[in-house]
Amino acid sequence: MKRKRITQLFPFLLPIRRVQRKIIFYTKMHMDRNRYAKTKGTELFAFLYI
């Protein structure tokens, strides 16, 4: 028998969990010392590289 997730037992925790995941995601991005774009460009490339 599988254990239930805590958000299945207490659904009111879902919004808090979503915020927590977003904070962790951006913290990891900040800590990995890579440089990321601050804004998304509007121009599309003329080719697609697969």
C-alpha atoms as a PDB file:
ATOM      1  CA  MET A   1       0.000   0.000   0.000  1.00  0.00           C
ATOM      2  CA  LYS A   2       1.408   3.370  -1.045  1.00  0.00           C
ATOM      3  CA  ARG A   3       1.706   6.211   1.387  1.00  0.00           C
ATOM      4  CA  LYS A   4      -0.383   9.272   0.675  1.00  0.00           C
ATOM      5  CA  ARG A   5       1.336  12.562   0.098  1.00  0.00           C
ATOM      6  CA  ILE A   6       0.851  15.201   2.742  1.00  0.00           C
ATOM      7  CA  THR A   7      -0.940  17.423   0.204  1.00  0.00           C
ATOM      8  CA  GLN A   8      -3.414  14.614  -0.424  1.00  0.00           C
ATOM      9  CA  LEU A   9      -4.163  14.457   3.270  1.00  0.00           C
ATOM     10  CA  PHE A  10      -4.256  18.240   3.684  1.00  0.00           C
ATOM     11  CA  PRO A  11      -5.235  19.884   0.361  1.00  0.00           C
ATOM     12  CA  PHE A  12      -5.074  23.393   1.849  1.00  0.00           C
ATOM     13  CA  LEU A  13      -1.259  23.045   1.794  1.00  0.00           C
ATOM     14  CA  LEU A  14      -1.087  22.972  -2.039  1.00  0.00           C
ATOM     15  CA  PRO A  15      -0.622  26.741  -2.581  1.00  0.00           C
ATOM     16  CA  ILE A  16       2.138  26.800   0.048  1.00  0.00           C
ATOM     17  CA  ARG A  17       3.862  23.851  -1.645  1.00  0.00           C
ATOM     18  CA  ARG A  18       3.746  25.590  -5.046  1.00  0.00           C
ATOM     19  CA  VAL A  19       5.431  28.678  -3.604  1.00  0.00           C
ATOM     20  CA  GLN A  20       8.017  26.497  -1.879  1.00  0.00           C
ATOM     21  CA  ARG A  21       8.889  24.704  -5.142  1.00  0.00           C
ATOM     22  CA  LYS A  22       9.266  28.018  -6.979  1.00  0.00           C
ATOM     23  CA  ILE A  23      11.566  29.404  -4.252  1.00  0.00           C
ATOM     24  CA  ILE A  24      13.705  26.260  -4.351  1.00  0.00           C
ATOM     25  CA  PHE A  25      13.899  26.356  -8.167  1.00  0.00           C
ATOM     26  CA  TYR A  26      15.115  29.958  -8.280  1.00  0.00           C
ATOM     27  CA  THR A  27      17.480  29.429  -5.347  1.00  0.00           C
ATOM     28  CA  LYS A  28      19.132  26.529  -7.181  1.00  0.00           C
ATOM     29  CA  MET A  29      19.405  28.689 -10.307  1.00  0.00           C
ATOM     30  CA  HIS A  30      21.093  31.403  -8.271  1.00  0.00           C
ATOM     31  CA  MET A  31      23.475  28.987  -6.559  1.00  0.00           C
ATOM     32  CA  ASP A  32      24.708  27.186  -9.701  1.00  0.00           C
ATOM     33  CA  ARG A  33      26.652  30.308 -10.789  1.00  0.00           C
ATOM     34  CA  ASN A  34      25.395  30.233 -14.381  1.00  0.00           C
ATOM     35  CA  ARG A  35      24.229  33.424 -16.056  1.00  0.00           C
ATOM     36  CA  TYR A  36      20.614  33.495 -17.210  1.00  0.00           C
ATOM     37  CA  ALA A  37      18.672  36.023 -19.269  1.00  0.00           C
ATOM     38  CA  LYS A  38      16.771  38.633 -17.288  1.00  0.00           C
ATOM     39  CA  THR A  39      14.210  39.197 -20.060  1.00  0.00           C
ATOM     40  CA  LYS A  40      12.861  37.057 -22.868  1.00  0.00           C
ATOM     41  CA  GLY A  41      13.761  38.201 -26.377  1.00  0.00           C
ATOM     42  CA  THR A  42      11.033  39.050 -28.875  1.00  0.00           C
ATOM     43  CA  GLU A  43      12.933  38.044 -32.030  1.00  0.00           C
ATOM     44  CA  LEU A  44      12.701  34.509 -33.363  1.00  0.00           C
ATOM     45  CA  PHE A  45      15.646  32.720 -34.925  1.00  0.00           C
ATOM     46  CA  ALA A  46      15.563  32.082 -38.683  1.00  0.00           C
ATOM     47  CA  PHE A  47      16.444  28.395 -38.214  1.00  0.00           C
ATOM     48  CA  LEU A  48      15.765  25.533 -35.835  1.00  0.00           C
ATOM     49  CA  TYR A  49      18.616  23.424 -34.484  1.00  0.00           C
ATOM     50  CA  ILE A  50      17.644  19.934 -33.353  1.00  0.00           C
END
